[in-house]
Amino acid sequence: KCRVSNKFCSNFKHYNTKQRYAGVLQGYSEKVKGLKGIIFCVNVDHTINTYQTFKDAGLPVYQVHSKMSSQEREFNVREFESSPDGIMINCGILCVGYDHAPIRFVLQDFATTSLPKFLQTIGRGSRPYQNKEMFFVLDYGKNHERHSLWNMNRKWELKETKKKKNIGAAGVKNCP
């Protein structure tokens, strides 16, 4: 689905171009080269293609995605964590609950209307670490245009949802 009016596109076709991969690699090279980081992609194919682009450039790159075995994923995560300047490329695997404080940059190569997903992925870089005063966010999905800056104050509230009446619903019979 693409919505050109607000520049939101989560369609793989939008991300799967040579120009796009080259642009992401160039952005990395100009802004965060040599730093440890994590890249979030649209889907598995996008993850694999981004991985290959960075690998072909001779960078210390690792990938995890749902089509890998759990042993492969665990191995790649361990290798990434032990590298001083590794780049982990993934889609949907390391968004929530993954903590590796040395991450110095987060590159979002996806678009989302989900504020929690936006914040969770950026949160991977926000963990305090020795001599880490800041981290970088490269937002190739223009998510900041929809959600503002990740660290802005937000008013959070729990809203009670009203249950719909089951008009026309089948009855329930308790049997002995």
N, C-alpha and C. Protein backbone atom coordinates (compact mmCIF):
# COMPACT_ATOMS: atom_id res chain seq x y z
N LYS A 1 0.84 -1.19 0.00
CA LYS A 1 0.00 0.00 0.00
C LYS A 1 0.88 1.24 0.00
N CYS A 2 0.55 2.18 -0.79
CA CYS A 2 1.29 3.44 -0.84
C CYS A 2 0.30 4.59 -0.75
N ARG A 3 0.65 5.57 0.01
CA ARG A 3 -0.13 6.79 0.07
C ARG A 3 0.82 7.93 -0.25
N VAL A 4 0.77 8.37 -1.47
CA VAL A 4 1.71 9.40 -1.91
C VAL A 4 1.45 10.73 -1.23
N SER A 5 0.20 11.02 -0.89
CA SER A 5 -0.13 12.32 -0.32
C SER A 5 0.65 12.63 0.96
N ASN A 6 0.84 11.63 1.81
CA ASN A 6 1.61 11.91 3.03
C ASN A 6 2.96 11.19 3.02
N LYS A 7 3.38 10.75 1.84
CA LYS A 7 4.70 10.15 1.63
C LYS A 7 4.91 8.90 2.46
N PHE A 8 3.85 8.14 2.68
CA PHE A 8 3.95 6.89 3.42
C PHE A 8 3.89 5.74 2.44
N CYS A 9 4.86 4.86 2.53
CA CYS A 9 4.85 3.69 1.66
C CYS A 9 5.49 2.52 2.38
N SER A 10 4.74 1.44 2.54
CA SER A 10 5.29 0.25 3.15
C SER A 10 5.41 -0.87 2.12
N ASN A 11 5.21 -0.55 0.85
CA ASN A 11 5.26 -1.52 -0.22
C ASN A 11 6.70 -1.88 -0.52
N PHE A 12 7.01 -3.18 -0.54
CA PHE A 12 8.36 -3.66 -0.80
C PHE A 12 8.90 -3.12 -2.11
N LYS A 13 8.05 -2.99 -3.12
CA LYS A 13 8.51 -2.48 -4.43
C LYS A 13 9.15 -1.11 -4.30
N HIS A 14 8.65 -0.31 -3.39
CA HIS A 14 9.20 1.03 -3.16
C HIS A 14 10.63 0.95 -2.63
N TYR A 15 10.91 -0.06 -1.82
CA TYR A 15 12.22 -0.19 -1.17
C TYR A 15 13.19 -1.04 -1.98
N ASN A 16 12.69 -1.85 -2.87
CA ASN A 16 13.52 -2.83 -3.57
C ASN A 16 14.02 -2.29 -4.90
N THR A 17 14.85 -1.24 -4.84
CA THR A 17 15.48 -0.70 -6.05
C THR A 17 16.97 -0.52 -5.80
N LYS A 18 17.75 -0.62 -6.86
CA LYS A 18 19.20 -0.44 -6.73
C LYS A 18 19.51 0.94 -6.17
N GLN A 19 18.76 1.95 -6.62
CA GLN A 19 18.99 3.32 -6.14
C GLN A 19 18.74 3.41 -4.64
N ARG A 20 17.72 2.74 -4.18
CA ARG A 20 17.38 2.78 -2.75
C ARG A 20 18.49 2.14 -1.91
N TYR A 21 18.93 0.95 -2.31
CA TYR A 21 20.00 0.27 -1.58
C TYR A 21 21.27 1.11 -1.59
N ALA A 22 21.58 1.67 -2.75
CA ALA A 22 22.79 2.52 -2.85
C ALA A 22 22.65 3.75 -1.97
N GLY A 23 21.46 4.34 -1.91
CA GLY A 23 21.24 5.53 -1.09
C GLY A 23 21.37 5.24 0.40
N VAL A 24 20.86 4.09 0.83
CA VAL A 24 20.97 3.71 2.24
C VAL A 24 22.44 3.46 2.58
N LEU A 25 23.16 2.78 1.71
CA LEU A 25 24.58 2.53 1.93
C LEU A 25 25.36 3.85 1.97
N GLN A 26 25.02 4.76 1.09
CA GLN A 26 25.68 6.07 1.08
C GLN A 26 25.39 6.84 2.37
N GLY A 27 24.13 6.83 2.81
CA GLY A 27 23.77 7.50 4.06
C GLY A 27 24.54 6.93 5.24
N TYR A 28 24.64 5.61 5.29
CA TYR A 28 25.43 4.96 6.34
C TYR A 28 26.88 5.46 6.26
N SER A 29 27.46 5.41 5.06
CA SER A 29 28.87 5.77 4.88
C SER A 29 29.15 7.22 5.26
N GLU A 30 28.22 8.11 4.97
CA GLU A 30 28.42 9.53 5.25
C GLU A 30 28.15 9.90 6.70
N LYS A 31 27.26 9.18 7.36
CA LYS A 31 26.81 9.63 8.68
C LYS A 31 27.28 8.78 9.86
N VAL A 32 27.37 7.46 9.69
CA VAL A 32 27.64 6.61 10.85
C VAL A 32 28.66 5.50 10.58
N LYS A 33 29.41 5.59 9.53
CA LYS A 33 30.36 4.54 9.18
C LYS A 33 31.30 4.25 10.34
N GLY A 34 31.50 2.98 10.61
CA GLY A 34 32.39 2.56 11.68
C GLY A 34 31.72 2.41 13.04
N LEU A 35 30.45 2.83 13.14
CA LEU A 35 29.73 2.68 14.39
C LEU A 35 28.91 1.39 14.37
N LYS A 36 28.71 0.82 15.53
CA LYS A 36 27.87 -0.37 15.66
C LYS A 36 26.42 0.05 15.54
N GLY A 37 25.63 -0.71 14.77
CA GLY A 37 24.25 -0.31 14.61
C GLY A 37 23.33 -1.40 14.14
N ILE A 38 22.08 -1.04 14.00
CA ILE A 38 21.03 -1.98 13.61
C ILE A 38 20.15 -1.33 12.54
N ILE A 39 19.81 -2.12 11.54
CA ILE A 39 18.97 -1.66 10.43
C ILE A 39 17.69 -2.48 10.44
N PHE A 40 16.56 -1.79 10.35
CA PHE A 40 15.25 -2.44 10.29
C PHE A 40 14.69 -2.32 8.88
N CYS A 41 14.26 -3.45 8.33
CA CYS A 41 13.79 -3.52 6.95
C CYS A 41 12.30 -3.86 6.88
N VAL A 42 11.78 -3.82 5.66
CA VAL A 42 10.35 -4.04 5.39
C VAL A 42 9.96 -5.51 5.52
N ASN A 43 10.76 -6.40 4.93
CA ASN A 43 10.44 -7.83 4.94
C ASN A 43 11.72 -8.64 4.79
N VAL A 44 11.60 -9.95 4.68
CA VAL A 44 12.77 -10.82 4.62
C VAL A 44 13.60 -10.54 3.37
N ASP A 45 12.96 -10.42 2.21
CA ASP A 45 13.70 -10.14 0.98
C ASP A 45 14.47 -8.82 1.07
N HIS A 46 13.84 -7.83 1.65
CA HIS A 46 14.50 -6.53 1.84
C HIS A 46 15.70 -6.68 2.77
N THR A 47 15.55 -7.48 3.82
CA THR A 47 16.65 -7.74 4.75
C THR A 47 17.82 -8.40 4.02
N ILE A 48 17.53 -9.44 3.25
CA ILE A 48 18.57 -10.17 2.52
C ILE A 48 19.27 -9.26 1.51
N ASN A 49 18.52 -8.46 0.78
CA ASN A 49 19.11 -7.57 -0.23
C ASN A 49 19.95 -6.47 0.41
N THR A 50 19.47 -5.93 1.53
CA THR A 50 20.25 -4.90 2.24
C THR A 50 21.53 -5.52 2.78
N TYR A 51 21.42 -6.71 3.36
CA TYR A 51 22.59 -7.43 3.85
C TYR A 51 23.62 -7.59 2.73
N GLN A 52 23.17 -8.04 1.56
CA GLN A 52 24.09 -8.28 0.45
C GLN A 52 24.74 -6.99 -0.02
N THR A 53 23.99 -5.90 -0.04
CA THR A 53 24.54 -4.60 -0.44
C THR A 53 25.67 -4.19 0.50
N PHE A 54 25.45 -4.32 1.79
CA PHE A 54 26.46 -3.93 2.78
C PHE A 54 27.64 -4.91 2.77
N LYS A 55 27.35 -6.19 2.59
CA LYS A 55 28.42 -7.20 2.53
C LYS A 55 29.31 -6.95 1.31
N ASP A 56 28.69 -6.66 0.17
CA ASP A 56 29.45 -6.38 -1.06
C ASP A 56 30.34 -5.15 -0.90
N ALA A 57 29.97 -4.25 0.01
CA ALA A 57 30.78 -3.06 0.28
C ALA A 57 31.89 -3.36 1.29
N GLY A 58 31.99 -4.61 1.72
CA GLY A 58 33.05 -5.02 2.63
C GLY A 58 32.82 -4.66 4.08
N LEU A 59 31.58 -4.46 4.47
CA LEU A 59 31.26 -4.04 5.84
C LEU A 59 30.98 -5.25 6.74
N PRO A 60 31.21 -5.10 8.05
CA PRO A 60 30.96 -6.19 9.00
C PRO A 60 29.47 -6.31 9.29
N VAL A 61 28.79 -7.10 8.50
CA VAL A 61 27.34 -7.12 8.52
C VAL A 61 26.81 -8.51 8.91
N TYR A 62 25.68 -8.50 9.60
CA TYR A 62 25.01 -9.72 10.06
C TYR A 62 23.53 -9.55 9.77
N GLN A 63 22.82 -10.67 9.69
CA GLN A 63 21.38 -10.58 9.45
C GLN A 63 20.63 -11.62 10.27
N VAL A 64 19.41 -11.27 10.63
CA VAL A 64 18.47 -12.23 11.22
C VAL A 64 17.09 -11.98 10.61
N HIS A 65 16.44 -13.07 10.30
CA HIS A 65 15.07 -12.99 9.78
C HIS A 65 14.36 -14.31 10.02
N SER A 66 13.08 -14.33 9.76
CA SER A 66 12.24 -15.47 10.13
C SER A 66 12.49 -16.72 9.30
N LYS A 67 13.17 -16.61 8.17
CA LYS A 67 13.42 -17.79 7.35
C LYS A 67 14.72 -18.50 7.73
N MET A 68 15.42 -17.98 8.73
CA MET A 68 16.63 -18.62 9.23
C MET A 68 16.25 -19.54 10.39
N SER A 69 17.07 -20.53 10.62
CA SER A 69 16.83 -21.38 11.79
C SER A 69 17.16 -20.58 13.05
N SER A 70 16.61 -21.02 14.17
CA SER A 70 16.91 -20.31 15.42
C SER A 70 18.39 -20.39 15.74
N GLN A 71 19.05 -21.49 15.36
CA GLN A 71 20.49 -21.62 15.60
C GLN A 71 21.27 -20.58 14.77
N GLU A 72 20.88 -20.40 13.52
CA GLU A 72 21.53 -19.38 12.67
C GLU A 72 21.34 -17.98 13.26
N ARG A 73 20.10 -17.69 13.67
CA ARG A 73 19.82 -16.37 14.25
C ARG A 73 20.64 -16.14 15.51
N GLU A 74 20.65 -17.14 16.39
CA GLU A 74 21.42 -17.00 17.64
C GLU A 74 22.90 -16.82 17.37
N PHE A 75 23.43 -17.56 16.40
CA PHE A 75 24.84 -17.43 16.04
C PHE A 75 25.14 -16.02 15.53
N ASN A 76 24.30 -15.53 14.62
CA ASN A 76 24.52 -14.19 14.05
C ASN A 76 24.40 -13.09 15.10
N VAL A 77 23.47 -13.24 16.04
CA VAL A 77 23.34 -12.26 17.11
C VAL A 77 24.59 -12.27 17.98
N ARG A 78 25.09 -13.44 18.33
CA ARG A 78 26.33 -13.53 19.13
C ARG A 78 27.51 -12.90 18.39
N GLU A 79 27.64 -13.18 17.11
CA GLU A 79 28.73 -12.60 16.32
C GLU A 79 28.62 -11.08 16.26
N PHE A 80 27.41 -10.59 16.04
CA PHE A 80 27.18 -9.14 16.01
C PHE A 80 27.55 -8.52 17.34
N GLU A 81 27.08 -9.10 18.43
CA GLU A 81 27.34 -8.54 19.75
C GLU A 81 28.81 -8.53 20.11
N SER A 82 29.58 -9.47 19.59
CA SER A 82 31.01 -9.51 19.91
C SER A 82 31.85 -8.64 18.97
N SER A 83 31.23 -8.09 17.94
CA SER A 83 31.98 -7.24 17.00
C SER A 83 31.97 -5.79 17.49
N PRO A 84 33.05 -5.06 17.27
CA PRO A 84 33.09 -3.67 17.74
C PRO A 84 32.29 -2.70 16.87
N ASP A 85 32.11 -3.04 15.59
CA ASP A 85 31.46 -2.11 14.67
C ASP A 85 30.49 -2.82 13.73
N GLY A 86 29.89 -3.90 14.20
CA GLY A 86 29.00 -4.68 13.37
C GLY A 86 27.70 -3.96 13.05
N ILE A 87 27.08 -4.41 11.98
CA ILE A 87 25.80 -3.88 11.54
C ILE A 87 24.83 -5.05 11.46
N MET A 88 23.76 -5.00 12.24
CA MET A 88 22.75 -6.06 12.24
C MET A 88 21.57 -5.61 11.39
N ILE A 89 21.22 -6.43 10.41
CA ILE A 89 20.10 -6.12 9.53
C ILE A 89 19.00 -7.13 9.80
N ASN A 90 17.78 -6.63 10.02
CA ASN A 90 16.68 -7.52 10.36
C ASN A 90 15.34 -6.92 10.00
N CYS A 91 14.32 -7.76 10.06
CA CYS A 91 12.95 -7.27 9.95
C CYS A 91 12.11 -8.01 10.97
N GLY A 92 11.62 -7.28 11.94
CA GLY A 92 10.69 -7.83 12.90
C GLY A 92 11.24 -8.78 13.95
N ILE A 93 12.53 -9.06 13.96
CA ILE A 93 13.06 -10.00 14.93
C ILE A 93 13.58 -9.27 16.17
N LEU A 94 14.30 -8.19 16.00
CA LEU A 94 14.96 -7.50 17.12
C LEU A 94 14.29 -6.17 17.47
N CYS A 95 13.00 -6.07 17.23
CA CYS A 95 12.28 -4.80 17.49
C CYS A 95 11.98 -4.60 18.98
N VAL A 96 11.49 -5.64 19.62
CA VAL A 96 11.02 -5.53 21.00
C VAL A 96 11.81 -6.48 21.89
N GLY A 97 12.27 -5.96 23.02
CA GLY A 97 12.91 -6.81 24.00
C GLY A 97 14.37 -7.14 23.75
N TYR A 98 14.94 -6.62 22.69
CA TYR A 98 16.36 -6.88 22.42
C TYR A 98 17.17 -5.74 23.00
N ASP A 99 18.11 -6.06 23.86
CA ASP A 99 18.95 -5.04 24.48
C ASP A 99 20.42 -5.34 24.19
N HIS A 100 21.05 -4.41 23.52
CA HIS A 100 22.49 -4.47 23.30
C HIS A 100 22.97 -3.02 23.35
N ALA A 101 23.37 -2.59 24.52
CA ALA A 101 23.66 -1.18 24.79
C ALA A 101 24.69 -0.52 23.87
N PRO A 102 25.70 -1.24 23.35
CA PRO A 102 26.69 -0.56 22.50
C PRO A 102 26.17 -0.06 21.15
N ILE A 103 24.93 -0.36 20.79
CA ILE A 103 24.40 0.11 19.50
C ILE A 103 24.44 1.63 19.47
N ARG A 104 25.06 2.17 18.41
CA ARG A 104 25.26 3.62 18.27
C ARG A 104 24.39 4.25 17.18
N PHE A 105 23.81 3.41 16.32
CA PHE A 105 22.88 3.97 15.33
C PHE A 105 21.75 3.00 15.04
N VAL A 106 20.60 3.58 14.72
CA VAL A 106 19.42 2.83 14.29
C VAL A 106 19.03 3.39 12.94
N LEU A 107 18.93 2.51 11.95
CA LEU A 107 18.52 2.94 10.62
C LEU A 107 17.18 2.28 10.33
N GLN A 108 16.16 3.11 10.17
CA GLN A 108 14.81 2.63 9.86
C GLN A 108 14.62 2.72 8.36
N ASP A 109 14.66 1.58 7.68
CA ASP A 109 14.39 1.55 6.24
C ASP A 109 13.03 0.92 6.02
N PHE A 110 12.05 1.47 6.70
CA PHE A 110 10.66 1.05 6.60
C PHE A 110 9.79 2.22 7.02
N ALA A 111 8.54 2.19 6.60
CA ALA A 111 7.58 3.20 7.03
C ALA A 111 6.52 2.53 7.90
N THR A 112 6.08 3.24 8.92
CA THR A 112 5.04 2.67 9.77
C THR A 112 4.11 3.77 10.29
N THR A 113 2.86 3.41 10.45
CA THR A 113 1.92 4.30 11.11
C THR A 113 1.81 3.94 12.59
N SER A 114 2.53 2.92 13.00
CA SER A 114 2.49 2.44 14.39
C SER A 114 3.51 3.20 15.25
N LEU A 115 3.01 4.00 16.16
CA LEU A 115 3.90 4.70 17.08
C LEU A 115 4.70 3.73 17.94
N PRO A 116 4.09 2.66 18.49
CA PRO A 116 4.90 1.72 19.28
C PRO A 116 6.06 1.10 18.47
N LYS A 117 5.82 0.72 17.23
CA LYS A 117 6.90 0.15 16.41
C LYS A 117 7.99 1.18 16.17
N PHE A 118 7.61 2.40 15.87
CA PHE A 118 8.57 3.49 15.68
C PHE A 118 9.44 3.65 16.92
N LEU A 119 8.82 3.71 18.09
CA LEU A 119 9.55 3.91 19.33
C LEU A 119 10.37 2.68 19.72
N GLN A 120 9.83 1.50 19.53
CA GLN A 120 10.55 0.28 19.89
C GLN A 120 11.83 0.12 19.08
N THR A 121 11.76 0.38 17.77
CA THR A 121 12.96 0.21 16.96
C THR A 121 14.01 1.24 17.33
N ILE A 122 13.62 2.47 17.54
CA ILE A 122 14.60 3.49 17.94
C ILE A 122 15.15 3.18 19.33
N GLY A 123 14.33 2.60 20.17
CA GLY A 123 14.78 2.25 21.51
C GLY A 123 15.97 1.31 21.55
N ARG A 124 16.21 0.58 20.48
CA ARG A 124 17.37 -0.32 20.44
C ARG A 124 18.67 0.46 20.53
N GLY A 125 18.67 1.72 20.17
CA GLY A 125 19.89 2.52 20.25
C GLY A 125 19.95 3.42 21.48
N SER A 126 18.89 3.48 22.23
CA SER A 126 18.80 4.46 23.32
C SER A 126 19.36 3.96 24.66
N ARG A 127 19.86 2.75 24.70
CA ARG A 127 20.36 2.20 25.96
C ARG A 127 21.66 2.88 26.38
N PRO A 128 21.76 3.28 27.65
CA PRO A 128 23.01 3.89 28.13
C PRO A 128 24.17 2.89 28.05
N TYR A 129 25.34 3.42 27.79
CA TYR A 129 26.54 2.59 27.70
C TYR A 129 27.75 3.47 27.96
N GLN A 130 28.83 2.86 28.40
CA GLN A 130 30.05 3.61 28.73
C GLN A 130 30.49 4.48 27.56
N ASN A 131 30.77 5.73 27.85
CA ASN A 131 31.22 6.72 26.86
C ASN A 131 30.25 6.94 25.71
N LYS A 132 29.00 6.59 25.87
CA LYS A 132 27.99 6.79 24.84
C LYS A 132 27.10 7.95 25.27
N GLU A 133 27.34 9.09 24.67
CA GLU A 133 26.57 10.28 25.03
C GLU A 133 25.36 10.46 24.13
N MET A 134 25.40 9.83 22.96
CA MET A 134 24.28 9.97 22.03
C MET A 134 24.29 8.78 21.08
N PHE A 135 23.23 8.67 20.31
CA PHE A 135 23.17 7.69 19.24
C PHE A 135 22.48 8.37 18.06
N PHE A 136 22.56 7.76 16.90
CA PHE A 136 22.03 8.36 15.68
C PHE A 136 20.83 7.56 15.18
N VAL A 137 19.87 8.30 14.62
CA VAL A 137 18.71 7.69 13.98
C VAL A 137 18.70 8.14 12.53
N LEU A 138 18.74 7.19 11.62
CA LEU A 138 18.60 7.48 10.19
C LEU A 138 17.24 6.94 9.79
N ASP A 139 16.33 7.83 9.44
CA ASP A 139 14.93 7.48 9.20
C ASP A 139 14.62 7.57 7.71
N TYR A 140 14.73 6.45 7.01
CA TYR A 140 14.46 6.41 5.58
C TYR A 140 12.99 6.13 5.26
N GLY A 141 12.15 6.00 6.29
CA GLY A 141 10.73 5.80 6.09
C GLY A 141 9.92 7.05 6.38
N LYS A 142 10.61 8.14 6.70
CA LYS A 142 9.96 9.41 7.06
C LYS A 142 8.99 9.24 8.23
N ASN A 143 9.33 8.34 9.12
CA ASN A 143 8.47 8.06 10.28
C ASN A 143 8.38 9.25 11.22
N HIS A 144 9.44 10.03 11.31
CA HIS A 144 9.43 11.20 12.20
C HIS A 144 8.38 12.22 11.75
N GLU A 145 8.03 12.22 10.47
CA GLU A 145 6.99 13.14 9.99
C GLU A 145 5.62 12.76 10.54
N ARG A 146 5.40 11.48 10.78
CA ARG A 146 4.13 11.00 11.34
C ARG A 146 4.12 11.01 12.85
N HIS A 147 5.28 10.74 13.47
CA HIS A 147 5.33 10.51 14.91
C HIS A 147 6.12 11.55 15.69
N SER A 148 6.71 12.52 15.03
CA SER A 148 7.59 13.52 15.65
C SER A 148 8.87 12.85 16.15
N LEU A 149 9.63 13.58 16.95
CA LEU A 149 10.89 13.03 17.44
C LEU A 149 10.61 11.94 18.47
N TRP A 150 11.46 10.96 18.51
CA TRP A 150 11.25 9.80 19.38
C TRP A 150 11.26 10.17 20.85
N ASN A 151 12.04 11.19 21.22
CA ASN A 151 12.22 11.51 22.64
C ASN A 151 11.35 12.66 23.12
N MET A 152 10.37 13.04 22.35
CA MET A 152 9.48 14.12 22.78
C MET A 152 8.56 13.64 23.89
N ASN A 153 8.10 14.57 24.71
CA ASN A 153 7.14 14.22 25.75
C ASN A 153 5.81 13.87 25.09
N ARG A 154 5.22 12.81 25.54
CA ARG A 154 3.93 12.37 25.00
C ARG A 154 2.95 12.17 26.16
N LYS A 155 1.71 12.42 25.87
CA LYS A 155 0.67 12.18 26.86
C LYS A 155 0.12 10.78 26.60
N TRP A 156 0.40 9.89 27.52
CA TRP A 156 -0.08 8.51 27.40
C TRP A 156 -1.27 8.33 28.32
N GLU A 157 -2.25 7.61 27.85
CA GLU A 157 -3.40 7.32 28.69
C GLU A 157 -4.00 5.98 28.29
N LEU A 158 -4.62 5.37 29.25
CA LEU A 158 -5.32 4.12 28.98
C LEU A 158 -6.78 4.46 28.74
N LYS A 159 -7.28 4.03 27.63
CA LYS A 159 -8.68 4.29 27.32
C LYS A 159 -9.45 2.98 27.47
N GLU A 160 -10.55 3.08 28.17
CA GLU A 160 -11.39 1.92 28.31
C GLU A 160 -12.24 1.81 27.05
N THR A 161 -12.20 0.64 26.45
CA THR A 161 -13.00 0.44 25.25
C THR A 161 -14.35 -0.16 25.64
N LYS A 162 -15.36 0.33 24.99
CA LYS A 162 -16.70 -0.18 25.26
C LYS A 162 -16.93 -1.41 24.40
N LYS A 163 -17.45 -2.45 25.04
CA LYS A 163 -17.75 -3.67 24.31
C LYS A 163 -19.04 -3.47 23.53
N LYS A 164 -19.03 -3.99 22.31
CA LYS A 164 -20.23 -3.94 21.49
C LYS A 164 -21.21 -4.99 21.98
N LYS A 165 -22.46 -4.63 21.91
CA LYS A 165 -23.49 -5.60 22.27
C LYS A 165 -23.56 -6.63 21.16
N ASN A 166 -23.70 -7.87 21.57
CA ASN A 166 -23.77 -8.96 20.59
C ASN A 166 -25.19 -9.11 20.06
N ILE A 167 -25.61 -8.14 19.30
CA ILE A 167 -26.95 -8.18 18.73
C ILE A 167 -26.95 -9.26 17.65
N GLY A 168 -27.90 -10.17 17.76
CA GLY A 168 -28.00 -11.22 16.78
C GLY A 168 -27.02 -12.36 16.98
N ALA A 169 -26.31 -12.34 18.09
CA ALA A 169 -25.34 -13.41 18.35
C ALA A 169 -26.07 -14.68 18.75
N ALA A 170 -25.47 -15.79 18.45
CA ALA A 170 -26.07 -17.08 18.79
C ALA A 170 -26.10 -17.25 20.31
N GLY A 171 -27.13 -17.90 20.79
CA GLY A 171 -27.25 -18.13 22.23
C GLY A 171 -26.28 -19.22 22.68
N VAL A 172 -26.05 -19.25 23.98
CA VAL A 172 -25.16 -20.24 24.57
C VAL A 172 -25.97 -21.12 25.49
N LYS A 173 -25.79 -22.41 25.40
CA LYS A 173 -26.52 -23.35 26.22
C LYS A 173 -25.53 -24.09 27.10
N ASN A 174 -25.76 -24.11 28.39
CA ASN A 174 -24.92 -24.87 29.32
C ASN A 174 -25.46 -26.27 29.42
N CYS A 175 -24.62 -27.22 29.11
CA CYS A 175 -25.02 -28.63 29.19
C CYS A 175 -24.49 -29.26 30.45
N PRO A 176 -25.29 -30.13 31.10
CA PRO A 176 -24.85 -30.78 32.35
C PRO A 176 -23.72 -31.76 32.09
